[in-house]
Amino acid sequence: FSKAIAVALKDCATEEFRQYGRQVIENSQTLCNELIRRGYKIVTGGTENHLFSVDLRSVGLNGSKGERVLEEISIATNKNTCPGDKSALSPSGIRIGTPALTSRNFKREEFLRVADFIDQGFKLAVEINQAEGGQTLKDFKEKMSRPEFDQKLKALREQVENFAVQFPMPGLDDY
């Protein structure tokens, strides 16, 4: 265990790691600022680190529905509570981080593209949410499977995956 810590600390002392850390933060700020520009509310008003939370109440969503649609289009996020939420079981936000994509050499231009995919995903989630039917997460998932929404989700997922495949995953040469 102590050898693993020593190796990790040695890696952290390299200029390459410092550059990676700076790029993670720059990418986080790029993505955050672009989502703000597109009208989304960021819980803290911005970011100075590797992640941030988007409050989806202003667009008529909750974190569970936003997370579900993004997951369906191959974008990994986490639902997250926001100030004012009554229960962690019904979070209003989404937490987004940039380290994983930074490890795949995403830079500013790529994160602007990621912001566009997230925006399209949230807009589709709003459309699904407003469709006729119940408002529970179970109802939302059932509405997602309707042919008109299923086709849109598949098309957007294909765009996301076709974009992402251009950037290899570290340690997976064949991916």
C-alpha atoms as a PDB file:
ATOM      1  CA  PHE A   1       0.000   0.000   0.000  1.00  0.00           C
ATOM      2  CA  SER A   2       2.747   2.473   0.900  1.00  0.00           C
ATOM      3  CA  LYS A   3       4.526   1.675  -2.392  1.00  0.00           C
ATOM      4  CA  ALA A   4       1.364   2.604  -4.281  1.00  0.00           C
ATOM      5  CA  ILE A   5       1.197   5.919  -2.433  1.00  0.00           C
ATOM      6  CA  ALA A   6       4.857   6.566  -3.210  1.00  0.00           C
ATOM      7  CA  VAL A   7       4.295   5.900  -6.920  1.00  0.00           C
ATOM      8  CA  ALA A   8       1.233   8.172  -6.961  1.00  0.00           C
ATOM      9  CA  LEU A   9       3.109  10.972  -5.196  1.00  0.00           C
ATOM     10  CA  LYS A  10       6.024  10.614  -7.613  1.00  0.00           C
ATOM     11  CA  ASP A  11       3.612  10.939 -10.556  1.00  0.00           C
ATOM     12  CA  CYS A  12       2.029  14.025  -8.978  1.00  0.00           C
ATOM     13  CA  ALA A  13       5.428  15.712  -8.801  1.00  0.00           C
ATOM     14  CA  THR A  14       5.939  15.620 -12.582  1.00  0.00           C
ATOM     15  CA  GLU A  15       5.440  18.560 -14.909  1.00  0.00           C
ATOM     16  CA  GLU A  16       3.216  16.345 -17.072  1.00  0.00           C
ATOM     17  CA  PHE A  17       0.823  15.848 -14.147  1.00  0.00           C
ATOM     18  CA  ARG A  18       0.819  19.587 -13.348  1.00  0.00           C
ATOM     19  CA  GLN A  19      -0.048  20.322 -16.986  1.00  0.00           C
ATOM     20  CA  TYR A  20      -2.827  17.725 -16.853  1.00  0.00           C
ATOM     21  CA  GLY A  21      -4.219  19.323 -13.678  1.00  0.00           C
ATOM     22  CA  ARG A  22      -4.213  22.777 -15.280  1.00  0.00           C
ATOM     23  CA  GLN A  23      -5.924  21.377 -18.388  1.00  0.00           C
ATOM     24  CA  VAL A  24      -8.615  19.666 -16.277  1.00  0.00           C
ATOM     25  CA  ILE A  25      -9.480  23.006 -14.643  1.00  0.00           C
ATOM     26  CA  GLU A  26      -9.350  24.922 -17.932  1.00  0.00           C
ATOM     27  CA  ASN A  27     -11.659  22.335 -19.504  1.00  0.00           C
ATOM     28  CA  SER A  28     -14.040  22.499 -16.550  1.00  0.00           C
ATOM     29  CA  GLN A  29     -14.225  26.284 -16.861  1.00  0.00           C
ATOM     30  CA  THR A  30     -14.770  26.065 -20.629  1.00  0.00           C
ATOM     31  CA  LEU A  31     -17.630  23.589 -20.261  1.00  0.00           C
ATOM     32  CA  CYS A  32     -19.166  25.442 -17.323  1.00  0.00           C
ATOM     33  CA  ASN A  33     -19.002  28.844 -19.034  1.00  0.00           C
ATOM     34  CA  GLU A  34     -20.484  27.469 -22.246  1.00  0.00           C
ATOM     35  CA  LEU A  35     -23.421  25.962 -20.352  1.00  0.00           C
ATOM     36  CA  ILE A  36     -23.931  29.317 -18.592  1.00  0.00           C
ATOM     37  CA  ARG A  37     -23.847  31.036 -21.997  1.00  0.00           C
ATOM     38  CA  ARG A  38     -26.555  28.621 -23.140  1.00  0.00           C
ATOM     39  CA  GLY A  39     -28.765  29.614 -20.202  1.00  0.00           C
ATOM     40  CA  TYR A  40     -28.090  26.941 -17.596  1.00  0.00           C
ATOM     41  CA  LYS A  41     -27.747  27.819 -13.929  1.00  0.00           C
ATOM     42  CA  ILE A  42     -24.569  26.635 -12.230  1.00  0.00           C
ATOM     43  CA  VAL A  43     -25.037  26.079  -8.490  1.00  0.00           C
ATOM     44  CA  THR A  44     -21.866  27.972  -7.537  1.00  0.00           C
ATOM     45  CA  GLY A  45     -22.049  30.469 -10.395  1.00  0.00           C
ATOM     46  CA  GLY A  46     -18.942  28.977 -12.023  1.00  0.00           C
ATOM     47  CA  THR A  47     -16.055  26.656 -11.227  1.00  0.00           C
ATOM     48  CA  GLU A  48     -12.457  26.833 -10.100  1.00  0.00           C
ATOM     49  CA  ASN A  49     -11.850  23.089 -10.016  1.00  0.00           C
ATOM     50  CA  HIS A  50     -12.491  19.843 -11.887  1.00  0.00           C
ATOM     51  CA  LEU A  51     -16.277  19.727 -11.526  1.00  0.00           C
ATOM     52  CA  PHE A  52     -19.459  21.736 -11.157  1.00  0.00           C
ATOM     53  CA  SER A  53     -23.185  21.201 -10.667  1.00  0.00           C
ATOM     54  CA  VAL A  54     -25.949  22.337 -13.006  1.00  0.00           C
ATOM     55  CA  ASP A  55     -29.310  23.200 -11.386  1.00  0.00           C
ATOM     56  CA  LEU A  56     -31.941  21.897 -13.810  1.00  0.00           C
ATOM     57  CA  ARG A  57     -35.019  23.340 -12.079  1.00  0.00           C
ATOM     58  CA  SER A  58     -34.959  26.426 -14.294  1.00  0.00           C
ATOM     59  CA  VAL A  59     -35.447  24.271 -17.407  1.00  0.00           C
ATOM     60  CA  GLY A  60     -38.164  22.119 -15.856  1.00  0.00           C
ATOM     61  CA  LEU A  61     -36.126  18.997 -15.135  1.00  0.00           C
ATOM     62  CA  ASN A  62     -34.716  17.217 -12.141  1.00  0.00           C
ATOM     63  CA  GLY A  63     -31.334  15.567 -11.812  1.00  0.00           C
ATOM     64  CA  SER A  64     -32.658  12.032 -12.177  1.00  0.00           C
ATOM     65  CA  LYS A  65     -34.263  12.746 -15.553  1.00  0.00           C
ATOM     66  CA  GLY A  66     -31.297  14.766 -16.798  1.00  0.00           C
ATOM     67  CA  GLU A  67     -28.880  12.034 -15.733  1.00  0.00           C
ATOM     68  CA  ARG A  68     -31.009   9.339 -17.387  1.00  0.00           C
ATOM     69  CA  VAL A  69     -31.109  11.049 -20.785  1.00  0.00           C
ATOM     70  CA  LEU A  70     -27.397  11.865 -20.729  1.00  0.00           C
ATOM     71  CA  GLU A  71     -26.657   8.262 -19.778  1.00  0.00           C
ATOM     72  CA  GLU A  72     -28.783   7.099 -22.715  1.00  0.00           C
ATOM     73  CA  ILE A  73     -26.678   9.217 -25.097  1.00  0.00           C
ATOM     74  CA  SER A  74     -23.396   7.905 -23.606  1.00  0.00           C
ATOM     75  CA  ILE A  75     -22.549  10.903 -21.414  1.00  0.00           C
ATOM     76  CA  ALA A  76     -21.720   9.983 -17.827  1.00  0.00           C
ATOM     77  CA  THR A  77     -22.789  12.417 -15.105  1.00  0.00           C
ATOM     78  CA  ASN A  78     -24.223  12.109 -11.612  1.00  0.00           C
ATOM     79  CA  LYS A  79     -27.495  13.426 -10.292  1.00  0.00           C
ATOM     80  CA  ASN A  80     -26.750  15.779  -7.424  1.00  0.00           C
ATOM     81  CA  THR A  81     -28.673  17.738  -4.833  1.00  0.00           C
ATOM     82  CA  CYS A  82     -28.837  21.517  -5.068  1.00  0.00           C
ATOM     83  CA  PRO A  83     -29.498  24.080  -2.343  1.00  0.00           C
ATOM     84  CA  GLY A  84     -33.206  24.074  -1.568  1.00  0.00           C
ATOM     85  CA  ASP A  85     -33.810  20.431  -2.440  1.00  0.00           C
ATOM     86  CA  LYS A  86     -36.179  18.825   0.039  1.00  0.00           C
ATOM     87  CA  SER A  87     -34.695  15.343  -0.304  1.00  0.00           C
ATOM     88  CA  ALA A  88     -31.622  13.651  -1.736  1.00  0.00           C
ATOM     89  CA  LEU A  89     -34.054  11.165  -3.280  1.00  0.00           C
ATOM     90  CA  SER A  90     -35.223  13.885  -5.663  1.00  0.00           C
ATOM     91  CA  PRO A  91     -32.138  15.913  -6.615  1.00  0.00           C
ATOM     92  CA  SER A  92     -32.430  18.974  -8.834  1.00  0.00           C
ATOM     93  CA  GLY A  93     -28.987  18.922 -10.338  1.00  0.00           C
ATOM     94  CA  ILE A  94     -26.347  17.161 -12.350  1.00  0.00           C
ATOM     95  CA  ARG A  95     -22.673  17.023 -11.389  1.00  0.00           C
ATOM     96  CA  ILE A  96     -20.255  17.170 -14.305  1.00  0.00           C
ATOM     97  CA  GLY A  97     -16.513  16.527 -14.155  1.00  0.00           C
ATOM     98  CA  THR A  98     -13.765  16.892 -16.742  1.00  0.00           C
ATOM     99  CA  PRO A  99     -10.849  14.611 -15.691  1.00  0.00           C
ATOM    100  CA  ALA A 100     -11.898  11.548 -17.717  1.00  0.00           C
ATOM    101  CA  LEU A 101     -12.254  13.405 -21.017  1.00  0.00           C
ATOM    102  CA  THR A 102      -9.122  15.440 -20.323  1.00  0.00           C
ATOM    103  CA  SER A 103      -7.289  12.102 -20.039  1.00  0.00           C
ATOM    104  CA  ARG A 104      -8.473  11.430 -23.593  1.00  0.00           C
ATOM    105  CA  ASN A 105      -6.852  14.708 -24.738  1.00  0.00           C
ATOM    106  CA  PHE A 106     -10.025  16.775 -24.972  1.00  0.00           C
ATOM    107  CA  LYS A 107      -9.230  20.497 -25.036  1.00  0.00           C
ATOM    108  CA  ARG A 108     -11.298  23.681 -25.346  1.00  0.00           C
ATOM    109  CA  GLU A 109     -12.820  22.969 -28.767  1.00  0.00           C
ATOM    110  CA  GLU A 110     -13.817  19.452 -27.782  1.00  0.00           C
ATOM    111  CA  PHE A 111     -15.451  20.680 -24.570  1.00  0.00           C
ATOM    112  CA  LEU A 112     -17.461  23.232 -26.545  1.00  0.00           C
ATOM    113  CA  ARG A 113     -18.728  20.251 -28.526  1.00  0.00           C
ATOM    114  CA  VAL A 114     -19.466  18.365 -25.284  1.00  0.00           C
ATOM    115  CA  ALA A 115     -21.489  21.375 -24.082  1.00  0.00           C
ATOM    116  CA  ASP A 116     -23.515  21.183 -27.284  1.00  0.00           C
ATOM    117  CA  PHE A 117     -24.214  17.475 -26.763  1.00  0.00           C
ATOM    118  CA  ILE A 118     -25.254  18.100 -23.144  1.00  0.00           C
ATOM    119  CA  ASP A 119     -27.491  20.983 -24.228  1.00  0.00           C
ATOM    120  CA  GLN A 120     -29.133  18.811 -26.891  1.00  0.00           C
ATOM    121  CA  GLY A 121     -29.607  16.062 -24.299  1.00  0.00           C
ATOM    122  CA  PHE A 122     -31.238  18.403 -21.784  1.00  0.00           C
ATOM    123  CA  LYS A 123     -33.514  19.884 -24.465  1.00  0.00           C
ATOM    124  CA  LEU A 124     -34.585  16.396 -25.477  1.00  0.00           C
ATOM    125  CA  ALA A 125     -35.171  15.539 -21.802  1.00  0.00           C
ATOM    126  CA  VAL A 126     -37.445  18.591 -21.481  1.00  0.00           C
ATOM    127  CA  GLU A 127     -39.341  17.501 -24.598  1.00  0.00           C
ATOM    128  CA  ILE A 128     -39.782  13.999 -23.182  1.00  0.00           C
ATOM    129  CA  ASN A 129     -40.792  15.367 -19.789  1.00  0.00           C
ATOM    130  CA  GLN A 130     -43.459  17.600 -21.352  1.00  0.00           C
ATOM    131  CA  ALA A 131     -44.954  14.782 -23.413  1.00  0.00           C
ATOM    132  CA  GLU A 132     -48.336  13.485 -22.383  1.00  0.00           C
ATOM    133  CA  GLY A 133     -48.146  11.079 -19.480  1.00  0.00           C
ATOM    134  CA  GLY A 134     -47.140  10.904 -15.846  1.00  0.00           C
ATOM    135  CA  GLN A 135     -44.265  12.780 -14.266  1.00  0.00           C
ATOM    136  CA  THR A 136     -42.531  10.097 -12.196  1.00  0.00           C
ATOM    137  CA  LEU A 137     -39.096   8.806 -13.193  1.00  0.00           C
ATOM    138  CA  LYS A 138     -40.744   5.517 -14.152  1.00  0.00           C
ATOM    139  CA  ASP A 139     -43.169   7.414 -16.435  1.00  0.00           C
ATOM    140  CA  PHE A 140     -40.255   9.390 -17.876  1.00  0.00           C
ATOM    141  CA  LYS A 141     -38.350   6.199 -18.725  1.00  0.00           C
ATOM    142  CA  GLU A 142     -41.451   4.774 -20.398  1.00  0.00           C
ATOM    143  CA  LYS A 143     -41.845   7.963 -22.455  1.00  0.00           C
ATOM    144  CA  MET A 144     -38.177   7.707 -23.481  1.00  0.00           C
ATOM    145  CA  SER A 145     -38.962   4.382 -25.151  1.00  0.00           C
ATOM    146  CA  ARG A 146     -41.679   5.863 -27.374  1.00  0.00           C
ATOM    147  CA  PRO A 147     -40.565   5.584 -31.013  1.00  0.00           C
ATOM    148  CA  GLU A 148     -40.312   9.356 -31.600  1.00  0.00           C
ATOM    149  CA  PHE A 149     -38.039   9.804 -28.573  1.00  0.00           C
ATOM    150  CA  ASP A 150     -36.159   6.533 -28.946  1.00  0.00           C
ATOM    151  CA  GLN A 151     -35.118   7.544 -32.481  1.00  0.00           C
ATOM    152  CA  LYS A 152     -33.914  10.968 -31.315  1.00  0.00           C
ATOM    153  CA  LEU A 153     -31.983   9.425 -28.420  1.00  0.00           C
ATOM    154  CA  LYS A 154     -30.325   6.880 -30.712  1.00  0.00           C
ATOM    155  CA  ALA A 155     -29.362   9.567 -33.243  1.00  0.00           C
ATOM    156  CA  LEU A 156     -27.832  11.783 -30.560  1.00  0.00           C
ATOM    157  CA  ARG A 157     -26.017   8.824 -28.952  1.00  0.00           C
ATOM    158  CA  GLU A 158     -24.546   7.970 -32.363  1.00  0.00           C
ATOM    159  CA  GLN A 159     -23.251  11.548 -32.738  1.00  0.00           C
ATOM    160  CA  VAL A 160     -21.705  11.466 -29.261  1.00  0.00           C
ATOM    161  CA  GLU A 161     -20.067   8.074 -29.779  1.00  0.00           C
ATOM    162  CA  ASN A 162     -18.782   8.939 -33.266  1.00  0.00           C
ATOM    163  CA  PHE A 163     -17.179  12.055 -31.804  1.00  0.00           C
ATOM    164  CA  ALA A 164     -15.728  10.320 -28.729  1.00  0.00           C
ATOM    165  CA  VAL A 165     -14.218   7.374 -30.612  1.00  0.00           C
ATOM    166  CA  GLN A 166     -11.710   9.780 -32.201  1.00  0.00           C
ATOM    167  CA  PHE A 167     -10.035  10.153 -28.794  1.00  0.00           C
ATOM    168  CA  PRO A 168      -8.410   6.973 -27.459  1.00  0.00           C
ATOM    169  CA  MET A 169      -8.922   5.915 -23.867  1.00  0.00           C
ATOM    170  CA  PRO A 170      -5.622   5.733 -21.957  1.00  0.00           C
ATOM    171  CA  GLY A 171      -4.533   2.152 -21.444  1.00  0.00           C
ATOM    172  CA  LEU A 172      -6.975   0.746 -23.998  1.00  0.00           C
ATOM    173  CA  ASP A 173      -5.126   0.758 -27.295  1.00  0.00           C
ATOM    174  CA  ASP A 174      -7.911  -1.076 -29.110  1.00  0.00           C
ATOM    175  CA  TYR A 175     -10.736   1.173 -27.942  1.00  0.00           C
END
